[in-house]
Amino acid sequence: MSRMTPFSSPLLLGFDAMEKTLERLAKTGDSYPPYNIERLNGADGASQRLRITLAVAGFAESDLEVTTEENQLVVRGRQSDDTEREFLHRGIAARQFQRCFVLADGMRVTAAELKNGLLAIDLDRPEAQRLVQKINISVKD
């Protein structure tokens, strides 16, 4: 018995990668680090601008890595355990994380800034140009 999904329609061609992405997103349950996503008003009003802000207190710039891989924005944080310090109580964990955000086609990262324990990543999507292409029909009799 085959599985029916919304992407099984014969009218949706080439969307199998999107279906796999949605399945992967449904499986992620980690909520660390917390983050905000906000829409910013563009100066020209035509482009869509977004800002993702992650709470990364305790991470230095050298501990963080922001990359784009295919259609994903990947933020990684790696802290090394400080063996020279002796803790009487350790309530702030030095934990690693990886947070992925799926980007729509055309989205691009424009800036990343670390300030006061918050990592702000700016994205934009320039207005897409409408492309109309005429396809020639060949006749073979």
N, C-alpha and C. Protein backbone atom coordinates (compact mmCIF):
# COMPACT_ATOMS: atom_id res chain seq x y z
N MET A 1 0.84 -1.17 0.00
CA MET A 1 0.00 0.00 0.00
C MET A 1 0.90 1.24 0.00
N SER A 2 0.66 2.13 -0.94
CA SER A 2 1.49 3.33 -1.02
C SER A 2 0.93 4.44 -0.15
N ARG A 3 1.80 5.28 0.29
CA ARG A 3 1.44 6.38 1.18
C ARG A 3 1.04 7.59 0.34
N MET A 4 -0.10 8.20 0.67
CA MET A 4 -0.57 9.39 -0.03
C MET A 4 -0.19 10.63 0.78
N THR A 5 0.47 11.56 0.15
CA THR A 5 0.84 12.81 0.80
C THR A 5 0.32 13.96 -0.06
N PRO A 6 0.29 15.17 0.50
CA PRO A 6 -0.15 16.30 -0.32
C PRO A 6 0.72 16.52 -1.55
N PHE A 7 1.97 16.06 -1.50
CA PHE A 7 2.88 16.25 -2.61
C PHE A 7 2.80 15.12 -3.63
N SER A 8 1.85 14.20 -3.46
CA SER A 8 1.69 13.09 -4.39
C SER A 8 0.90 13.49 -5.63
N SER A 9 0.35 14.69 -5.64
CA SER A 9 -0.45 15.15 -6.76
C SER A 9 0.39 15.20 -8.04
N PRO A 10 -0.17 14.79 -9.16
CA PRO A 10 0.58 14.88 -10.42
C PRO A 10 0.79 16.32 -10.88
N LEU A 11 0.12 17.27 -10.24
CA LEU A 11 0.30 18.68 -10.60
C LEU A 11 1.48 19.32 -9.88
N LEU A 12 2.01 18.66 -8.86
CA LEU A 12 3.14 19.18 -8.10
C LEU A 12 4.39 18.39 -8.48
N LEU A 13 5.07 18.84 -9.49
CA LEU A 13 6.25 18.14 -9.99
C LEU A 13 7.51 18.71 -9.37
N GLY A 14 8.38 17.85 -8.87
CA GLY A 14 9.67 18.27 -8.34
C GLY A 14 9.63 18.80 -6.92
N PHE A 15 8.56 18.53 -6.18
CA PHE A 15 8.46 19.01 -4.81
C PHE A 15 8.84 17.94 -3.78
N ASP A 16 9.44 16.84 -4.21
CA ASP A 16 9.79 15.77 -3.29
C ASP A 16 10.84 16.22 -2.26
N ALA A 17 11.74 17.12 -2.64
CA ALA A 17 12.73 17.64 -1.68
C ALA A 17 12.03 18.46 -0.60
N MET A 18 11.00 19.20 -0.96
CA MET A 18 10.26 19.99 0.02
C MET A 18 9.53 19.07 1.00
N GLU A 19 9.00 17.97 0.51
CA GLU A 19 8.33 17.02 1.39
C GLU A 19 9.30 16.43 2.40
N LYS A 20 10.51 16.10 1.98
CA LYS A 20 11.52 15.57 2.89
C LYS A 20 11.93 16.62 3.91
N THR A 21 12.01 17.88 3.50
CA THR A 21 12.35 18.96 4.42
C THR A 21 11.28 19.12 5.48
N LEU A 22 10.02 19.06 5.08
CA LEU A 22 8.92 19.18 6.04
C LEU A 22 8.92 18.01 7.03
N GLU A 23 9.22 16.82 6.57
CA GLU A 23 9.31 15.66 7.46
C GLU A 23 10.44 15.84 8.46
N ARG A 24 11.58 16.36 8.00
CA ARG A 24 12.72 16.58 8.89
C ARG A 24 12.39 17.65 9.94
N LEU A 25 11.69 18.70 9.53
CA LEU A 25 11.30 19.75 10.47
C LEU A 25 10.34 19.23 11.53
N ALA A 26 9.46 18.33 11.15
CA ALA A 26 8.49 17.78 12.11
C ALA A 26 9.18 16.95 13.18
N LYS A 27 10.33 16.40 12.88
CA LYS A 27 11.04 15.54 13.83
C LYS A 27 11.90 16.31 14.81
N THR A 28 12.24 17.56 14.51
CA THR A 28 13.11 18.31 15.41
C THR A 28 12.30 18.81 16.59
N GLY A 29 12.81 18.58 17.79
CA GLY A 29 12.11 19.00 18.99
C GLY A 29 12.98 19.78 19.95
N ASP A 30 14.22 20.03 19.60
CA ASP A 30 15.13 20.75 20.49
C ASP A 30 14.78 22.23 20.48
N SER A 31 14.70 22.83 21.65
CA SER A 31 14.32 24.24 21.73
C SER A 31 15.49 25.12 22.17
N TYR A 32 16.71 24.60 22.13
CA TYR A 32 17.88 25.37 22.55
C TYR A 32 18.72 25.72 21.35
N PRO A 33 19.17 26.91 21.20
CA PRO A 33 18.87 28.10 22.01
C PRO A 33 17.55 28.72 21.57
N PRO A 34 16.92 29.48 22.48
CA PRO A 34 15.68 30.16 22.08
C PRO A 34 15.97 31.23 21.03
N TYR A 35 14.97 31.52 20.21
CA TYR A 35 15.18 32.48 19.13
C TYR A 35 13.90 33.25 18.83
N ASN A 36 14.05 34.38 18.19
CA ASN A 36 12.95 35.20 17.65
C ASN A 36 13.15 35.34 16.16
N ILE A 37 12.05 35.48 15.43
CA ILE A 37 12.11 35.82 14.02
C ILE A 37 11.20 37.03 13.83
N GLU A 38 11.74 38.09 13.26
CA GLU A 38 10.93 39.29 13.07
C GLU A 38 11.05 39.80 11.64
N ARG A 39 9.99 40.44 11.18
CA ARG A 39 9.98 41.04 9.85
C ARG A 39 10.40 42.49 10.00
N LEU A 40 11.35 42.91 9.18
CA LEU A 40 11.84 44.28 9.18
C LEU A 40 11.30 45.01 7.97
N ASN A 41 11.01 46.28 8.14
CA ASN A 41 10.53 47.08 7.01
C ASN A 41 11.72 47.47 6.15
N GLY A 42 11.61 47.15 4.88
CA GLY A 42 12.67 47.51 3.94
C GLY A 42 12.57 48.97 3.55
N ALA A 43 13.70 49.56 3.22
CA ALA A 43 13.72 50.96 2.84
C ALA A 43 12.95 51.18 1.54
N ASP A 44 13.06 50.23 0.62
CA ASP A 44 12.37 50.37 -0.66
C ASP A 44 10.96 49.81 -0.62
N GLY A 45 10.65 49.01 0.40
CA GLY A 45 9.32 48.43 0.53
C GLY A 45 9.09 47.23 -0.38
N ALA A 46 9.98 47.00 -1.34
CA ALA A 46 9.77 45.90 -2.29
C ALA A 46 10.38 44.59 -1.79
N SER A 47 11.54 44.68 -1.15
CA SER A 47 12.20 43.45 -0.71
C SER A 47 11.69 43.04 0.67
N GLN A 48 11.72 41.75 0.92
CA GLN A 48 11.32 41.20 2.22
C GLN A 48 12.57 41.00 3.06
N ARG A 49 12.58 41.60 4.27
CA ARG A 49 13.73 41.46 5.15
C ARG A 49 13.28 40.80 6.44
N LEU A 50 14.11 39.88 6.93
CA LEU A 50 13.84 39.17 8.17
C LEU A 50 15.06 39.24 9.06
N ARG A 51 14.85 39.12 10.38
CA ARG A 51 15.96 39.02 11.32
C ARG A 51 15.68 37.87 12.27
N ILE A 52 16.65 36.96 12.37
CA ILE A 52 16.59 35.86 13.34
C ILE A 52 17.53 36.24 14.47
N THR A 53 17.02 36.25 15.70
CA THR A 53 17.83 36.59 16.86
C THR A 53 17.88 35.38 17.79
N LEU A 54 19.08 34.87 18.05
CA LEU A 54 19.27 33.72 18.93
C LEU A 54 19.92 34.17 20.23
N ALA A 55 19.44 33.63 21.36
CA ALA A 55 20.03 33.92 22.66
C ALA A 55 21.20 32.97 22.87
N VAL A 56 22.41 33.50 22.75
CA VAL A 56 23.63 32.68 22.83
C VAL A 56 24.57 33.22 23.90
N ALA A 57 24.01 33.55 25.06
CA ALA A 57 24.82 34.08 26.16
C ALA A 57 25.91 33.08 26.52
N GLY A 58 27.11 33.58 26.73
CA GLY A 58 28.24 32.74 27.10
C GLY A 58 29.06 32.27 25.92
N PHE A 59 28.57 32.48 24.69
CA PHE A 59 29.31 32.08 23.50
C PHE A 59 30.06 33.29 22.96
N ALA A 60 31.33 33.09 22.65
CA ALA A 60 32.13 34.14 22.00
C ALA A 60 31.97 34.01 20.49
N GLU A 61 32.41 35.00 19.78
CA GLU A 61 32.34 34.96 18.31
C GLU A 61 33.05 33.72 17.76
N SER A 62 34.17 33.36 18.36
CA SER A 62 34.93 32.21 17.88
C SER A 62 34.23 30.88 18.17
N ASP A 63 33.25 30.89 19.09
CA ASP A 63 32.50 29.67 19.42
C ASP A 63 31.32 29.44 18.48
N LEU A 64 30.98 30.44 17.66
CA LEU A 64 29.80 30.39 16.81
C LEU A 64 30.17 30.28 15.35
N GLU A 65 29.32 29.59 14.60
CA GLU A 65 29.52 29.44 13.17
C GLU A 65 28.16 29.55 12.49
N VAL A 66 28.07 30.44 11.51
CA VAL A 66 26.84 30.63 10.73
C VAL A 66 27.16 30.28 9.29
N THR A 67 26.45 29.30 8.74
CA THR A 67 26.69 28.88 7.36
C THR A 67 25.36 28.67 6.65
N THR A 68 25.43 28.69 5.33
CA THR A 68 24.27 28.28 4.53
C THR A 68 24.69 27.03 3.78
N GLU A 69 23.85 26.02 3.86
CA GLU A 69 24.09 24.75 3.18
C GLU A 69 22.85 24.42 2.39
N GLU A 70 22.98 24.46 1.07
CA GLU A 70 21.85 24.28 0.16
C GLU A 70 20.79 25.32 0.50
N ASN A 71 19.62 24.90 0.94
CA ASN A 71 18.57 25.87 1.26
C ASN A 71 18.35 26.00 2.77
N GLN A 72 19.42 25.79 3.54
CA GLN A 72 19.31 25.87 4.99
C GLN A 72 20.33 26.85 5.55
N LEU A 73 19.86 27.59 6.57
CA LEU A 73 20.75 28.40 7.38
C LEU A 73 21.07 27.58 8.61
N VAL A 74 22.35 27.34 8.85
CA VAL A 74 22.78 26.49 9.97
C VAL A 74 23.62 27.33 10.93
N VAL A 75 23.20 27.35 12.19
CA VAL A 75 23.93 28.07 13.24
C VAL A 75 24.43 27.03 14.22
N ARG A 76 25.76 27.00 14.43
CA ARG A 76 26.36 26.05 15.36
C ARG A 76 27.09 26.79 16.46
N GLY A 77 26.99 26.24 17.65
CA GLY A 77 27.72 26.80 18.78
C GLY A 77 28.50 25.70 19.47
N ARG A 78 29.79 25.95 19.68
CA ARG A 78 30.66 24.97 20.34
C ARG A 78 31.45 25.69 21.42
N GLN A 79 31.26 25.26 22.65
CA GLN A 79 32.05 25.80 23.75
C GLN A 79 32.95 24.71 24.28
N SER A 80 34.18 25.07 24.57
CA SER A 80 35.09 24.08 25.16
C SER A 80 34.96 24.16 26.67
N ASP A 81 35.08 23.04 27.32
CA ASP A 81 35.00 22.99 28.78
C ASP A 81 36.29 23.56 29.36
N ASP A 82 36.14 24.50 30.25
CA ASP A 82 37.30 25.15 30.87
C ASP A 82 37.75 24.29 32.06
N THR A 83 38.87 23.60 31.89
CA THR A 83 39.36 22.69 32.93
C THR A 83 40.14 23.42 34.01
N GLU A 84 40.53 24.68 33.78
CA GLU A 84 41.32 25.43 34.75
C GLU A 84 40.46 26.01 35.87
N ARG A 85 39.14 26.08 35.67
CA ARG A 85 38.26 26.67 36.67
C ARG A 85 37.63 25.59 37.53
N GLU A 86 37.51 25.88 38.82
CA GLU A 86 36.87 24.95 39.75
C GLU A 86 35.52 25.54 40.15
N PHE A 87 34.45 24.85 39.77
CA PHE A 87 33.10 25.34 40.04
C PHE A 87 32.59 24.75 41.35
N LEU A 88 32.04 25.58 42.22
CA LEU A 88 31.33 25.10 43.41
C LEU A 88 29.90 24.74 43.05
N HIS A 89 29.35 25.44 42.09
CA HIS A 89 28.03 25.13 41.54
C HIS A 89 28.09 25.49 40.06
N ARG A 90 27.59 24.61 39.22
CA ARG A 90 27.59 24.87 37.78
C ARG A 90 26.16 24.82 37.26
N GLY A 91 25.55 25.99 37.12
CA GLY A 91 24.19 26.09 36.62
C GLY A 91 24.13 26.52 35.17
N ILE A 92 25.24 27.05 34.66
CA ILE A 92 25.31 27.48 33.27
C ILE A 92 26.10 26.43 32.50
N ALA A 93 25.39 25.68 31.70
CA ALA A 93 26.03 24.58 31.00
C ALA A 93 26.80 25.09 29.78
N ALA A 94 27.92 24.46 29.51
CA ALA A 94 28.68 24.73 28.29
C ALA A 94 28.26 23.66 27.29
N ARG A 95 27.15 23.93 26.64
CA ARG A 95 26.63 22.91 25.74
C ARG A 95 26.73 23.34 24.29
N GLN A 96 26.83 22.37 23.44
CA GLN A 96 26.89 22.61 22.01
C GLN A 96 25.48 22.63 21.45
N PHE A 97 25.31 23.31 20.32
CA PHE A 97 24.00 23.30 19.68
C PHE A 97 24.17 23.44 18.17
N GLN A 98 23.13 23.03 17.49
CA GLN A 98 23.01 23.26 16.06
C GLN A 98 21.55 23.58 15.79
N ARG A 99 21.30 24.73 15.21
CA ARG A 99 19.94 25.18 14.91
C ARG A 99 19.86 25.41 13.40
N CYS A 100 18.88 24.78 12.75
CA CYS A 100 18.72 24.89 11.30
C CYS A 100 17.42 25.62 10.97
N PHE A 101 17.48 26.48 9.98
CA PHE A 101 16.32 27.18 9.46
C PHE A 101 16.27 26.92 7.96
N VAL A 102 15.12 26.49 7.46
CA VAL A 102 14.96 26.24 6.03
C VAL A 102 14.66 27.58 5.36
N LEU A 103 15.42 27.89 4.33
CA LEU A 103 15.27 29.15 3.61
C LEU A 103 14.50 28.92 2.31
N ALA A 104 13.62 29.83 2.00
CA ALA A 104 12.90 29.79 0.74
C ALA A 104 13.87 30.14 -0.39
N ASP A 105 13.51 29.77 -1.60
CA ASP A 105 14.34 30.11 -2.75
C ASP A 105 14.53 31.62 -2.83
N GLY A 106 15.75 32.05 -3.05
CA GLY A 106 16.05 33.46 -3.20
C GLY A 106 16.43 34.16 -1.91
N MET A 107 16.19 33.53 -0.75
CA MET A 107 16.57 34.15 0.52
C MET A 107 18.09 34.11 0.64
N ARG A 108 18.64 35.20 1.17
CA ARG A 108 20.10 35.24 1.35
C ARG A 108 20.42 35.94 2.67
N VAL A 109 21.52 35.52 3.27
CA VAL A 109 21.99 36.11 4.52
C VAL A 109 22.79 37.36 4.17
N THR A 110 22.43 38.49 4.81
CA THR A 110 23.13 39.74 4.50
C THR A 110 24.08 40.14 5.61
N ALA A 111 23.81 39.73 6.87
CA ALA A 111 24.69 40.13 7.96
C ALA A 111 24.45 39.24 9.17
N ALA A 112 25.46 39.15 10.04
CA ALA A 112 25.35 38.46 11.33
C ALA A 112 26.12 39.29 12.34
N GLU A 113 25.48 39.55 13.49
CA GLU A 113 26.10 40.40 14.50
C GLU A 113 25.85 39.81 15.89
N LEU A 114 26.92 39.74 16.70
CA LEU A 114 26.83 39.27 18.08
C LEU A 114 26.95 40.48 19.00
N LYS A 115 25.90 40.70 19.82
CA LYS A 115 25.91 41.85 20.71
C LYS A 115 25.11 41.51 21.97
N ASN A 116 25.74 41.67 23.13
CA ASN A 116 25.09 41.44 24.42
C ASN A 116 24.48 40.04 24.54
N GLY A 117 25.15 39.04 24.02
CA GLY A 117 24.68 37.66 24.13
C GLY A 117 23.58 37.29 23.15
N LEU A 118 23.29 38.17 22.20
CA LEU A 118 22.28 37.90 21.17
C LEU A 118 22.95 37.89 19.80
N LEU A 119 22.71 36.84 19.05
CA LEU A 119 23.23 36.73 17.69
C LEU A 119 22.09 37.09 16.74
N ALA A 120 22.24 38.19 16.02
CA ALA A 120 21.23 38.65 15.07
C ALA A 120 21.71 38.33 13.66
N ILE A 121 20.87 37.63 12.91
CA ILE A 121 21.19 37.25 11.54
C ILE A 121 20.13 37.89 10.64
N ASP A 122 20.57 38.74 9.72
CA ASP A 122 19.65 39.43 8.81
C ASP A 122 19.60 38.70 7.49
N LEU A 123 18.38 38.57 6.98
CA LEU A 123 18.15 37.92 5.70
C LEU A 123 17.28 38.82 4.84
N ASP A 124 17.39 38.67 3.54
CA ASP A 124 16.47 39.38 2.66
C ASP A 124 16.18 38.51 1.44
N ARG A 125 15.12 38.88 0.79
CA ARG A 125 14.75 38.22 -0.46
C ARG A 125 14.38 39.33 -1.44
N PRO A 126 15.27 39.62 -2.37
CA PRO A 126 14.95 40.66 -3.35
C PRO A 126 13.71 40.27 -4.15
N GLU A 127 13.02 41.29 -4.59
CA GLU A 127 11.82 41.05 -5.40
C GLU A 127 12.21 40.26 -6.64
N ALA A 128 11.54 39.15 -6.85
CA ALA A 128 11.85 38.30 -7.99
C ALA A 128 11.34 38.95 -9.28
N GLN A 129 12.14 38.84 -10.29
CA GLN A 129 11.72 39.36 -11.59
C GLN A 129 10.84 38.32 -12.26
N ARG A 130 9.78 38.80 -12.83
CA ARG A 130 8.86 37.89 -13.51
C ARG A 130 9.50 37.42 -14.80
N LEU A 131 9.59 36.12 -14.95
CA LEU A 131 10.24 35.54 -16.11
C LEU A 131 9.21 34.81 -16.94
N VAL A 132 9.03 35.26 -18.16
CA VAL A 132 8.14 34.59 -19.10
C VAL A 132 9.02 34.10 -20.24
N GLN A 133 8.92 32.81 -20.49
CA GLN A 133 9.77 32.22 -21.52
C GLN A 133 8.89 31.49 -22.52
N LYS A 134 9.07 31.79 -23.77
CA LYS A 134 8.31 31.13 -24.82
C LYS A 134 9.06 29.87 -25.22
N ILE A 135 8.34 28.77 -25.27
CA ILE A 135 8.92 27.48 -25.64
C ILE A 135 8.52 27.18 -27.09
N ASN A 136 9.52 26.97 -27.91
CA ASN A 136 9.26 26.63 -29.31
C ASN A 136 8.77 25.21 -29.43
N ILE A 137 7.79 25.03 -30.28
CA ILE A 137 7.23 23.70 -30.52
C ILE A 137 7.77 23.20 -31.85
N SER A 138 8.41 22.05 -31.82
CA SER A 138 8.93 21.49 -33.08
C SER A 138 7.88 20.54 -33.65
N VAL A 139 7.77 20.55 -34.95
CA VAL A 139 6.80 19.70 -35.66
C VAL A 139 7.58 18.61 -36.37
N LYS A 140 7.18 17.36 -36.09
CA LYS A 140 7.82 16.21 -36.75
C LYS A 140 6.73 15.37 -37.38
N ASP A 141 6.62 15.46 -38.68
CA ASP A 141 5.63 14.66 -39.41
C ASP A 141 6.26 13.56 -40.19
